[in-house]
Amino acid sequence: MSRKTQNQFLALVKSLWPLAKGSLAQVRKPCVRPHCQACAQGRKHPAFIFTYMDRKRRRCMHVPRPLVPLLRQAIHNGRLLETQLAPLGPELIREYRKQREQRKQP
């Protein structure tokens, strides 16, 4: 891979910070209060869960409400980064082949 491509990719990563891979979902969960009317009526309370993979296992974490907008942006940025990462493998092979051909020519 050319130094220029590498530098462009690193600049992209820096511009997309924060990054995350996973998903964010809003769920409704019961609380711990013994006489909560919302829970007694079955409405429960909204909460946010971040789901991600860790060593081939799905994991979930509670997300504090103030962190939700930042995490949404990080997930969006992570998806953008993945679209930029996909073509780098074929480009690496093309660059290798080009350099190999240049070495063969006298």
PDB file of N, CA and C in Angstrom:
ATOM      1  N   MET A   1       0.850  -1.172   0.000  1.00  0.00           N
ATOM      2  CA  MET A   1       0.000   0.000   0.000  1.00  0.00           C
ATOM      3  C   MET A   1       0.898   1.238   0.000  1.00  0.00           C
ATOM      4  N   SER A   2       0.529   2.192  -0.788  1.00  0.00           N
ATOM      5  CA  SER A   2       1.364   3.386  -0.900  1.00  0.00           C
ATOM      6  C   SER A   2       1.297   4.216   0.387  1.00  0.00           C
ATOM      7  N   ARG A   3       2.339   4.958   0.603  1.00  0.00           N
ATOM      8  CA  ARG A   3       2.416   5.823   1.791  1.00  0.00           C
ATOM      9  C   ARG A   3       1.291   6.859   1.756  1.00  0.00           C
ATOM     10  N   LYS A   4       0.971   7.336   0.541  1.00  0.00           N
ATOM     11  CA  LYS A   4      -0.100   8.329   0.389  1.00  0.00           C
ATOM     12  C   LYS A   4      -1.445   7.743   0.828  1.00  0.00           C
ATOM     13  N   THR A   5      -1.738   6.512   0.386  1.00  0.00           N
ATOM     14  CA  THR A   5      -2.988   5.848   0.771  1.00  0.00           C
ATOM     15  C   THR A   5      -3.031   5.634   2.280  1.00  0.00           C
ATOM     16  N   GLN A   6      -1.914   5.226   2.842  1.00  0.00           N
ATOM     17  CA  GLN A   6      -1.830   5.002   4.281  1.00  0.00           C
ATOM     18  C   GLN A   6      -2.092   6.298   5.052  1.00  0.00           C
ATOM     19  N   ASN A   7      -1.482   7.372   4.618  1.00  0.00           N
ATOM     20  CA  ASN A   7      -1.678   8.653   5.292  1.00  0.00           C
ATOM     21  C   ASN A   7      -3.123   9.147   5.162  1.00  0.00           C
ATOM     22  N   GLN A   8      -3.712   8.934   3.984  1.00  0.00           N
ATOM     23  CA  GLN A   8      -5.113   9.335   3.789  1.00  0.00           C
ATOM     24  C   GLN A   8      -6.037   8.544   4.715  1.00  0.00           C
ATOM     25  N   PHE A   9      -5.762   7.245   4.837  1.00  0.00           N
ATOM     26  CA  PHE A   9      -6.592   6.414   5.705  1.00  0.00           C
ATOM     27  C   PHE A   9      -6.449   6.831   7.170  1.00  0.00           C
ATOM     28  N   LEU A  10      -5.241   7.088   7.599  1.00  0.00           N
ATOM     29  CA  LEU A  10      -5.020   7.522   8.984  1.00  0.00           C
ATOM     30  C   LEU A  10      -5.686   8.863   9.262  1.00  0.00           C
ATOM     31  N   ALA A  11      -5.654   9.755   8.284  1.00  0.00           N
ATOM     32  CA  ALA A  11      -6.342  11.040   8.442  1.00  0.00           C
ATOM     33  C   ALA A  11      -7.849  10.834   8.540  1.00  0.00           C
ATOM     34  N   LEU A  12      -8.376   9.887   7.760  1.00  0.00           N
ATOM     35  CA  LEU A  12      -9.800   9.582   7.816  1.00  0.00           C
ATOM     36  C   LEU A  12     -10.183   9.050   9.189  1.00  0.00           C
ATOM     37  N   VAL A  13      -9.398   8.130   9.711  1.00  0.00           N
ATOM     38  CA  VAL A  13      -9.677   7.567  11.040  1.00  0.00           C
ATOM     39  C   VAL A  13      -9.699   8.676  12.087  1.00  0.00           C
ATOM     40  N   LYS A  14      -8.740   9.554  12.011  1.00  0.00           N
ATOM     41  CA  LYS A  14      -8.668  10.662  12.970  1.00  0.00           C
ATOM     42  C   LYS A  14      -9.888  11.574  12.844  1.00  0.00           C
ATOM     43  N   SER A  15     -10.337  11.817  11.613  1.00  0.00           N
ATOM     44  CA  SER A  15     -11.481  12.717  11.418  1.00  0.00           C
ATOM     45  C   SER A  15     -12.801  12.088  11.850  1.00  0.00           C
ATOM     46  N   LEU A  16     -12.853  10.759  11.873  1.00  0.00           N
ATOM     47  CA  LEU A  16     -14.098  10.068  12.230  1.00  0.00           C
ATOM     48  C   LEU A  16     -14.207   9.759  13.722  1.00  0.00           C
ATOM     49  N   TRP A  17     -13.236  10.129  14.491  1.00  0.00           N
ATOM     50  CA  TRP A  17     -13.291   9.807  15.917  1.00  0.00           C
ATOM     51  C   TRP A  17     -14.467  10.495  16.564  1.00  0.00           C
ATOM     52  N   PRO A  18     -15.232   9.898  17.444  1.00  0.00           N
ATOM     53  CA  PRO A  18     -15.110   8.573  18.050  1.00  0.00           C
ATOM     54  C   PRO A  18     -15.649   7.479  17.136  1.00  0.00           C
ATOM     55  N   LEU A  19     -15.143   6.258  17.332  1.00  0.00           N
ATOM     56  CA  LEU A  19     -15.534   5.107  16.534  1.00  0.00           C
ATOM     57  C   LEU A  19     -16.061   3.993  17.423  1.00  0.00           C
ATOM     58  N   ALA A  20     -17.059   3.272  16.926  1.00  0.00           N
ATOM     59  CA  ALA A  20     -17.571   2.101  17.639  1.00  0.00           C
ATOM     60  C   ALA A  20     -18.165   1.146  16.623  1.00  0.00           C
ATOM     61  N   LYS A  21     -18.121  -0.140  16.952  1.00  0.00           N
ATOM     62  CA  LYS A  21     -18.778  -1.149  16.129  1.00  0.00           C
ATOM     63  C   LYS A  21     -19.755  -1.885  17.023  1.00  0.00           C
ATOM     64  N   GLY A  22     -21.004  -1.860  16.626  1.00  0.00           N
ATOM     65  CA  GLY A  22     -22.043  -2.505  17.407  1.00  0.00           C
ATOM     66  C   GLY A  22     -23.383  -1.881  17.065  1.00  0.00           C
ATOM     67  N   SER A  23     -24.345  -2.071  17.949  1.00  0.00           N
ATOM     68  CA  SER A  23     -25.659  -1.483  17.719  1.00  0.00           C
ATOM     69  C   SER A  23     -26.219  -0.946  19.032  1.00  0.00           C
ATOM     70  N   LEU A  24     -27.123  -0.013  18.890  1.00  0.00           N
ATOM     71  CA  LEU A  24     -27.747   0.638  20.037  1.00  0.00           C
ATOM     72  C   LEU A  24     -29.248   0.414  19.942  1.00  0.00           C
ATOM     73  N   ALA A  25     -29.847  -0.028  21.019  1.00  0.00           N
ATOM     74  CA  ALA A  25     -31.285  -0.280  21.021  1.00  0.00           C
ATOM     75  C   ALA A  25     -31.907   0.294  22.291  1.00  0.00           C
ATOM     76  N   GLN A  26     -33.121   0.808  22.127  1.00  0.00           N
ATOM     77  CA  GLN A  26     -33.866   1.251  23.298  1.00  0.00           C
ATOM     78  C   GLN A  26     -34.775   0.101  23.726  1.00  0.00           C
ATOM     79  N   VAL A  27     -34.715  -0.227  24.995  1.00  0.00           N
ATOM     80  CA  VAL A  27     -35.535  -1.297  25.564  1.00  0.00           C
ATOM     81  C   VAL A  27     -36.314  -0.739  26.740  1.00  0.00           C
ATOM     82  N   ARG A  28     -37.236  -1.531  27.255  1.00  0.00           N
ATOM     83  CA  ARG A  28     -37.984  -1.130  28.445  1.00  0.00           C
ATOM     84  C   ARG A  28     -37.729  -2.183  29.511  1.00  0.00           C
ATOM     85  N   LYS A  29     -37.296  -1.710  30.683  1.00  0.00           N
ATOM     86  CA  LYS A  29     -36.907  -2.629  31.748  1.00  0.00           C
ATOM     87  C   LYS A  29     -37.594  -2.240  33.054  1.00  0.00           C
ATOM     88  N   PRO A  30     -37.871  -3.210  33.905  1.00  0.00           N
ATOM     89  CA  PRO A  30     -38.420  -2.879  35.225  1.00  0.00           C
ATOM     90  C   PRO A  30     -37.331  -2.285  36.114  1.00  0.00           C
ATOM     91  N   CYS A  31     -37.746  -1.487  37.057  1.00  0.00           N
ATOM     92  CA  CYS A  31     -36.766  -0.888  37.978  1.00  0.00           C
ATOM     93  C   CYS A  31     -36.713  -1.709  39.265  1.00  0.00           C
ATOM     94  N   VAL A  32     -35.939  -1.233  40.216  1.00  0.00           N
ATOM     95  CA  VAL A  32     -35.757  -1.967  41.472  1.00  0.00           C
ATOM     96  C   VAL A  32     -36.654  -1.440  42.592  1.00  0.00           C
ATOM     97  N   ARG A  33     -37.387  -0.366  42.324  1.00  0.00           N
ATOM     98  CA  ARG A  33     -38.244   0.187  43.370  1.00  0.00           C
ATOM     99  C   ARG A  33     -39.431  -0.751  43.620  1.00  0.00           C
ATOM    100  N   PRO A  34     -39.739  -1.037  44.873  1.00  0.00           N
ATOM    101  CA  PRO A  34     -40.773  -2.035  45.167  1.00  0.00           C
ATOM    102  C   PRO A  34     -42.202  -1.623  44.771  1.00  0.00           C
ATOM    103  N   HIS A  35     -42.545  -0.343  44.787  1.00  0.00           N
ATOM    104  CA  HIS A  35     -43.925   0.072  44.521  1.00  0.00           C
ATOM    105  C   HIS A  35     -44.009   1.035  43.339  1.00  0.00           C
ATOM    106  N   CYS A  36     -43.254   0.781  42.304  1.00  0.00           N
ATOM    107  CA  CYS A  36     -43.247   1.648  41.133  1.00  0.00           C
ATOM    108  C   CYS A  36     -44.535   1.425  40.339  1.00  0.00           C
ATOM    109  N   GLN A  37     -45.302   2.499  40.120  1.00  0.00           N
ATOM    110  CA  GLN A  37     -46.570   2.376  39.399  1.00  0.00           C
ATOM    111  C   GLN A  37     -46.358   2.005  37.936  1.00  0.00           C
ATOM    112  N   ALA A  38     -45.328   2.574  37.305  1.00  0.00           N
ATOM    113  CA  ALA A  38     -45.065   2.264  35.896  1.00  0.00           C
ATOM    114  C   ALA A  38     -44.791   0.774  35.716  1.00  0.00           C
ATOM    115  N   CYS A  39     -43.993   0.211  36.594  1.00  0.00           N
ATOM    116  CA  CYS A  39     -43.679  -1.219  36.500  1.00  0.00           C
ATOM    117  C   CYS A  39     -44.905  -2.068  36.837  1.00  0.00           C
ATOM    118  N   ALA A  40     -45.674  -1.638  37.830  1.00  0.00           N
ATOM    119  CA  ALA A  40     -46.882  -2.382  38.210  1.00  0.00           C
ATOM    120  C   ALA A  40     -47.898  -2.403  37.066  1.00  0.00           C
ATOM    121  N   GLN A  41     -47.947  -1.341  36.274  1.00  0.00           N
ATOM    122  CA  GLN A  41     -48.877  -1.274  35.142  1.00  0.00           C
ATOM    123  C   GLN A  41     -48.286  -1.908  33.879  1.00  0.00           C
ATOM    124  N   GLY A  42     -47.051  -2.395  33.955  1.00  0.00           N
ATOM    125  CA  GLY A  42     -46.425  -3.066  32.823  1.00  0.00           C
ATOM    126  C   GLY A  42     -45.731  -2.137  31.838  1.00  0.00           C
ATOM    127  N   ARG A  43     -45.676  -0.839  32.143  1.00  0.00           N
ATOM    128  CA  ARG A  43     -45.043   0.110  31.212  1.00  0.00           C
ATOM    129  C   ARG A  43     -43.525   0.041  31.268  1.00  0.00           C
ATOM    130  N   LYS A  44     -42.981  -0.218  32.426  1.00  0.00           N
ATOM    131  CA  LYS A  44     -41.535  -0.271  32.667  1.00  0.00           C
ATOM    132  C   LYS A  44     -40.853   1.051  32.316  1.00  0.00           C
ATOM    133  N   HIS A  45     -39.527   1.043  32.267  1.00  0.00           N
ATOM    134  CA  HIS A  45     -38.762   2.281  32.056  1.00  0.00           C
ATOM    135  C   HIS A  45     -37.850   2.141  30.836  1.00  0.00           C
ATOM    136  N   PRO A  46     -37.737   3.209  30.026  1.00  0.00           N
ATOM    137  CA  PRO A  46     -36.849   3.120  28.859  1.00  0.00           C
ATOM    138  C   PRO A  46     -35.378   3.099  29.281  1.00  0.00           C
ATOM    139  N   ALA A  47     -34.622   2.304  28.559  1.00  0.00           N
ATOM    140  CA  ALA A  47     -33.176   2.215  28.787  1.00  0.00           C
ATOM    141  C   ALA A  47     -32.515   1.938  27.435  1.00  0.00           C
ATOM    142  N   PHE A  48     -31.229   2.215  27.349  1.00  0.00           N
ATOM    143  CA  PHE A  48     -30.488   1.965  26.116  1.00  0.00           C
ATOM    144  C   PHE A  48     -29.446   0.883  26.353  1.00  0.00           C
ATOM    145  N   ILE A  49     -29.332  -0.008  25.366  1.00  0.00           N
ATOM    146  CA  ILE A  49     -28.398  -1.126  25.437  1.00  0.00           C
ATOM    147  C   ILE A  49     -27.491  -1.079  24.208  1.00  0.00           C
ATOM    148  N   PHE A  50     -26.185  -1.196  24.425  1.00  0.00           N
ATOM    149  CA  PHE A  50     -25.207  -1.290  23.352  1.00  0.00           C
ATOM    150  C   PHE A  50     -24.821  -2.752  23.218  1.00  0.00           C
ATOM    151  N   THR A  51     -24.962  -3.297  22.014  1.00  0.00           N
ATOM    152  CA  THR A  51     -24.630  -4.695  21.751  1.00  0.00           C
ATOM    153  C   THR A  51     -23.408  -4.737  20.843  1.00  0.00           C
ATOM    154  N   TYR A  52     -22.444  -5.583  21.182  1.00  0.00           N
ATOM    155  CA  TYR A  52     -21.207  -5.692  20.420  1.00  0.00           C
ATOM    156  C   TYR A  52     -20.672  -7.114  20.517  1.00  0.00           C
ATOM    157  N   MET A  53     -19.707  -7.426  19.677  1.00  0.00           N
ATOM    158  CA  MET A  53     -19.084  -8.752  19.704  1.00  0.00           C
ATOM    159  C   MET A  53     -17.749  -8.668  20.437  1.00  0.00           C
ATOM    160  N   ASP A  54     -17.499  -9.665  21.284  1.00  0.00           N
ATOM    161  CA  ASP A  54     -16.243  -9.756  22.024  1.00  0.00           C
ATOM    162  C   ASP A  54     -15.775 -11.206  21.945  1.00  0.00           C
ATOM    163  N   ARG A  55     -14.710 -11.448  21.197  1.00  0.00           N
ATOM    164  CA  ARG A  55     -14.183 -12.795  21.001  1.00  0.00           C
ATOM    165  C   ARG A  55     -15.277 -13.767  20.562  1.00  0.00           C
ATOM    166  N   LYS A  56     -15.988 -13.391  19.516  1.00  0.00           N
ATOM    167  CA  LYS A  56     -17.049 -14.185  18.893  1.00  0.00           C
ATOM    168  C   LYS A  56     -18.273 -14.393  19.782  1.00  0.00           C
ATOM    169  N   ARG A  57     -18.387 -13.620  20.849  1.00  0.00           N
ATOM    170  CA  ARG A  57     -19.561 -13.698  21.721  1.00  0.00           C
ATOM    171  C   ARG A  57     -20.251 -12.348  21.748  1.00  0.00           C
ATOM    172  N   ARG A  58     -21.569 -12.388  21.706  1.00  0.00           N
ATOM    173  CA  ARG A  58     -22.343 -11.150  21.765  1.00  0.00           C
ATOM    174  C   ARG A  58     -22.403 -10.664  23.208  1.00  0.00           C
ATOM    175  N   ARG A  59     -22.108  -9.399  23.380  1.00  0.00           N
ATOM    176  CA  ARG A  59     -22.131  -8.775  24.711  1.00  0.00           C
ATOM    177  C   ARG A  59     -23.051  -7.565  24.680  1.00  0.00           C
ATOM    178  N   CYS A  60     -23.590  -7.209  25.829  1.00  0.00           N
ATOM    179  CA  CYS A  60     -24.457  -6.033  25.949  1.00  0.00           C
ATOM    180  C   CYS A  60     -24.007  -5.204  27.139  1.00  0.00           C
ATOM    181  N   MET A  61     -24.174  -3.906  26.984  1.00  0.00           N
ATOM    182  CA  MET A  61     -23.856  -2.983  28.079  1.00  0.00           C
ATOM    183  C   MET A  61     -24.954  -1.936  28.172  1.00  0.00           C
ATOM    184  N   HIS A  62     -25.287  -1.563  29.390  1.00  0.00           N
ATOM    185  CA  HIS A  62     -26.215  -0.456  29.605  1.00  0.00           C
ATOM    186  C   HIS A  62     -25.509   0.837  29.209  1.00  0.00           C
ATOM    187  N   VAL A  63     -26.244   1.722  28.553  1.00  0.00           N
ATOM    188  CA  VAL A  63     -25.672   3.004  28.124  1.00  0.00           C
ATOM    189  C   VAL A  63     -26.371   4.127  28.892  1.00  0.00           C
ATOM    190  N   PRO A  64     -25.632   4.918  29.659  1.00  0.00           N
ATOM    191  CA  PRO A  64     -26.246   6.060  30.338  1.00  0.00           C
ATOM    192  C   PRO A  64     -26.845   7.022  29.305  1.00  0.00           C
ATOM    193  N   ARG A  65     -28.013   7.539  29.593  1.00  0.00           N
ATOM    194  CA  ARG A  65     -28.738   8.405  28.664  1.00  0.00           C
ATOM    195  C   ARG A  65     -27.886   9.556  28.103  1.00  0.00           C
ATOM    196  N   PRO A  66     -27.063  10.238  28.917  1.00  0.00           N
ATOM    197  CA  PRO A  66     -26.260  11.343  28.346  1.00  0.00           C
ATOM    198  C   PRO A  66     -25.240  10.877  27.296  1.00  0.00           C
ATOM    199  N   LEU A  67     -24.873   9.605  27.311  1.00  0.00           N
ATOM    200  CA  LEU A  67     -23.883   9.089  26.369  1.00  0.00           C
ATOM    201  C   LEU A  67     -24.503   8.651  25.044  1.00  0.00           C
ATOM    202  N   VAL A  68     -25.825   8.519  24.965  1.00  0.00           N
ATOM    203  CA  VAL A  68     -26.506   7.990  23.774  1.00  0.00           C
ATOM    204  C   VAL A  68     -26.158   8.766  22.499  1.00  0.00           C
ATOM    205  N   PRO A  69     -26.230  10.101  22.458  1.00  0.00           N
ATOM    206  CA  PRO A  69     -25.909  10.808  21.199  1.00  0.00           C
ATOM    207  C   PRO A  69     -24.468  10.567  20.730  1.00  0.00           C
ATOM    208  N   LEU A  70     -23.527  10.559  21.637  1.00  0.00           N
ATOM    209  CA  LEU A  70     -22.130  10.331  21.276  1.00  0.00           C
ATOM    210  C   LEU A  70     -21.931   8.912  20.758  1.00  0.00           C
ATOM    211  N   LEU A  71     -22.574   7.927  21.397  1.00  0.00           N
ATOM    212  CA  LEU A  71     -22.454   6.549  20.957  1.00  0.00           C
ATOM    213  C   LEU A  71     -23.109   6.356  19.588  1.00  0.00           C
ATOM    214  N   ARG A  72     -24.229   7.011  19.347  1.00  0.00           N
ATOM    215  CA  ARG A  72     -24.856   6.940  18.015  1.00  0.00           C
ATOM    216  C   ARG A  72     -23.903   7.461  16.942  1.00  0.00           C
ATOM    217  N   GLN A  73     -23.243   8.566  17.224  1.00  0.00           N
ATOM    218  CA  GLN A  73     -22.278   9.129  16.276  1.00  0.00           C
ATOM    219  C   GLN A  73     -21.103   8.184  16.080  1.00  0.00           C
ATOM    220  N   ALA A  74     -20.621   7.570  17.158  1.00  0.00           N
ATOM    221  CA  ALA A  74     -19.493   6.637  17.065  1.00  0.00           C
ATOM    222  C   ALA A  74     -19.854   5.421  16.214  1.00  0.00           C
ATOM    223  N   ILE A  75     -21.070   4.899  16.354  1.00  0.00           N
ATOM    224  CA  ILE A  75     -21.517   3.762  15.551  1.00  0.00           C
ATOM    225  C   ILE A  75     -21.612   4.173  14.077  1.00  0.00           C
ATOM    226  N   HIS A  76     -22.177   5.349  13.829  1.00  0.00           N
ATOM    227  CA  HIS A  76     -22.277   5.856  12.461  1.00  0.00           C
ATOM    228  C   HIS A  76     -20.877   5.997  11.850  1.00  0.00           C
ATOM    229  N   ASN A  77     -19.956   6.579  12.602  1.00  0.00           N
ATOM    230  CA  ASN A  77     -18.585   6.745  12.118  1.00  0.00           C
ATOM    231  C   ASN A  77     -17.918   5.391  11.864  1.00  0.00           C
ATOM    232  N   GLY A  78     -18.188   4.429  12.721  1.00  0.00           N
ATOM    233  CA  GLY A  78     -17.628   3.087  12.535  1.00  0.00           C
ATOM    234  C   GLY A  78     -18.107   2.459  11.239  1.00  0.00           C
ATOM    235  N   ARG A  79     -19.375   2.654  10.906  1.00  0.00           N
ATOM    236  CA  ARG A  79     -19.904   2.113   9.648  1.00  0.00           C
ATOM    237  C   ARG A  79     -19.284   2.811   8.443  1.00  0.00           C
ATOM    238  N   LEU A  80     -19.075   4.122   8.555  1.00  0.00           N
ATOM    239  CA  LEU A  80     -18.384   4.840   7.474  1.00  0.00           C
ATOM    240  C   LEU A  80     -16.963   4.312   7.287  1.00  0.00           C
ATOM    241  N   LEU A  81     -16.284   4.067   8.385  1.00  0.00           N
ATOM    242  CA  LEU A  81     -14.919   3.557   8.312  1.00  0.00           C
ATOM    243  C   LEU A  81     -14.883   2.184   7.646  1.00  0.00           C
ATOM    244  N   GLU A  82     -15.848   1.327   7.967  1.00  0.00           N
ATOM    245  CA  GLU A  82     -15.888   0.001   7.348  1.00  0.00           C
ATOM    246  C   GLU A  82     -16.024   0.094   5.829  1.00  0.00           C
ATOM    247  N   THR A  83     -16.807   1.059   5.338  1.00  0.00           N
ATOM    248  CA  THR A  83     -16.952   1.197   3.890  1.00  0.00           C
ATOM    249  C   THR A  83     -15.638   1.634   3.247  1.00  0.00           C
ATOM    250  N   GLN A  84     -14.825   2.386   3.980  1.00  0.00           N
ATOM    251  CA  GLN A  84     -13.529   2.820   3.457  1.00  0.00           C
ATOM    252  C   GLN A  84     -12.472   1.726   3.598  1.00  0.00           C
ATOM    253  N   LEU A  85     -12.641   0.842   4.551  1.00  0.00           N
ATOM    254  CA  LEU A  85     -11.674  -0.219   4.809  1.00  0.00           C
ATOM    255  C   LEU A  85     -11.779  -1.347   3.783  1.00  0.00           C
ATOM    256  N   ALA A  86     -12.979  -1.642   3.313  1.00  0.00           N
ATOM    257  CA  ALA A  86     -13.207  -2.775   2.407  1.00  0.00           C
ATOM    258  C   ALA A  86     -12.333  -2.749   1.153  1.00  0.00           C
ATOM    259  N   PRO A  87     -12.174  -1.626   0.459  1.00  0.00           N
ATOM    260  CA  PRO A  87     -11.371  -1.656  -0.776  1.00  0.00           C
ATOM    261  C   PRO A  87      -9.856  -1.710  -0.554  1.00  0.00           C
ATOM    262  N   LEU A  88      -9.393  -1.607   0.681  1.00  0.00           N
ATOM    263  CA  LEU A  88      -7.948  -1.564   0.906  1.00  0.00           C
ATOM    264  C   LEU A  88      -7.263  -2.905   0.642  1.00  0.00           C
ATOM    265  N   GLY A  89      -7.942  -4.020   0.863  1.00  0.00           N
ATOM    266  CA  GLY A  89      -7.353  -5.330   0.595  1.00  0.00           C
ATOM    267  C   GLY A  89      -7.029  -5.506  -0.880  1.00  0.00           C
ATOM    268  N   PRO A  90      -8.025  -5.327  -1.760  1.00  0.00           N
ATOM    269  CA  PRO A  90      -7.711  -5.424  -3.191  1.00  0.00           C
ATOM    270  C   PRO A  90      -6.652  -4.413  -3.646  1.00  0.00           C
ATOM    271  N   GLU A  91      -6.673  -3.230  -3.077  1.00  0.00           N
ATOM    272  CA  GLU A  91      -5.666  -2.228  -3.458  1.00  0.00           C
ATOM    273  C   GLU A  91      -4.266  -2.680  -3.061  1.00  0.00           C
ATOM    274  N   LEU A  92      -4.152  -3.312  -1.908  1.00  0.00           N
ATOM    275  CA  LEU A  92      -2.863  -3.834  -1.452  1.00  0.00           C
ATOM    276  C   LEU A  92      -2.328  -4.873  -2.435  1.00  0.00           C
ATOM    277  N   ILE A  93      -3.202  -5.752  -2.923  1.00  0.00           N
ATOM    278  CA  ILE A  93      -2.792  -6.781  -3.884  1.00  0.00           C
ATOM    279  C   ILE A  93      -2.374  -6.147  -5.208  1.00  0.00           C
ATOM    280  N   ARG A  94      -3.162  -5.174  -5.690  1.00  0.00           N
ATOM    281  CA  ARG A  94      -2.815  -4.495  -6.941  1.00  0.00           C
ATOM    282  C   ARG A  94      -1.450  -3.804  -6.837  1.00  0.00           C
ATOM    283  N   GLU A  95      -1.213  -3.154  -5.715  1.00  0.00           N
ATOM    284  CA  GLU A  95       0.064  -2.456  -5.500  1.00  0.00           C
ATOM    285  C   GLU A  95       1.228  -3.455  -5.485  1.00  0.00           C
ATOM    286  N   TYR A  96       1.030  -4.588  -4.841  1.00  0.00           N
ATOM    287  CA  TYR A  96       2.065  -5.626  -4.795  1.00  0.00           C
ATOM    288  C   TYR A  96       2.380  -6.120  -6.199  1.00  0.00           C
ATOM    289  N   ARG A  97       1.331  -6.412  -6.977  1.00  0.00           N
ATOM    290  CA  ARG A  97       1.526  -6.899  -8.354  1.00  0.00           C
ATOM    291  C   ARG A  97       2.261  -5.868  -9.213  1.00  0.00           C
ATOM    292  N   LYS A  98       1.892  -4.608  -9.038  1.00  0.00           N
ATOM    293  CA  LYS A  98       2.528  -3.533  -9.807  1.00  0.00           C
ATOM    294  C   LYS A  98       4.015  -3.453  -9.481  1.00  0.00           C
ATOM    295  N   GLN A  99       4.362  -3.525  -8.206  1.00  0.00           N
ATOM    296  CA  GLN A  99       5.769  -3.466  -7.795  1.00  0.00           C
ATOM    297  C   GLN A  99       6.530  -4.693  -8.294  1.00  0.00           C
ATOM    298  N   ARG A 100       5.889  -5.848  -8.268  1.00  0.00           N
ATOM    299  CA  ARG A 100       6.534  -7.072  -8.734  1.00  0.00           C
ATOM    300  C   ARG A 100       6.837  -6.977 -10.246  1.00  0.00           C
ATOM    301  N   GLU A 101       5.887  -6.451 -11.002  1.00  0.00           N
ATOM    302  CA  GLU A 101       6.098  -6.280 -12.444  1.00  0.00           C
ATOM    303  C   GLU A 101       7.224  -5.290 -12.728  1.00  0.00           C
ATOM    304  N   GLN A 102       7.308  -4.234 -11.929  1.00  0.00           N
ATOM    305  CA  GLN A 102       8.365  -3.240 -12.118  1.00  0.00           C
ATOM    306  C   GLN A 102       9.738  -3.834 -11.851  1.00  0.00           C
ATOM    307  N   ARG A 103       9.832  -4.758 -10.897  1.00  0.00           N
ATOM    308  CA  ARG A 103      11.107  -5.401 -10.587  1.00  0.00           C
ATOM    309  C   ARG A 103      11.527  -6.365 -11.687  1.00  0.00           C
ATOM    310  N   LYS A 104      10.565  -6.980 -12.363  1.00  0.00           N
ATOM    311  CA  LYS A 104      10.864  -7.934 -13.426  1.00  0.00           C
ATOM    312  C   LYS A 104      11.390  -7.243 -14.682  1.00  0.00           C
ATOM    313  N   GLN A 105      10.932  -6.030 -14.927  1.00  0.00           N
ATOM    314  CA  GLN A 105      11.326  -5.328 -16.150  1.00  0.00           C
ATOM    315  C   GLN A 105      12.747  -4.803 -16.005  1.00  0.00           C
ATOM    316  N   PRO A 106      13.598  -5.023 -17.084  1.00  0.00           N
ATOM    317  CA  PRO A 106      15.008  -4.567 -17.008  1.00  0.00           C
ATOM    318  C   PRO A 106      15.131  -3.075 -17.179  1.00  0.00           C
TER     319      PRO A 106
END
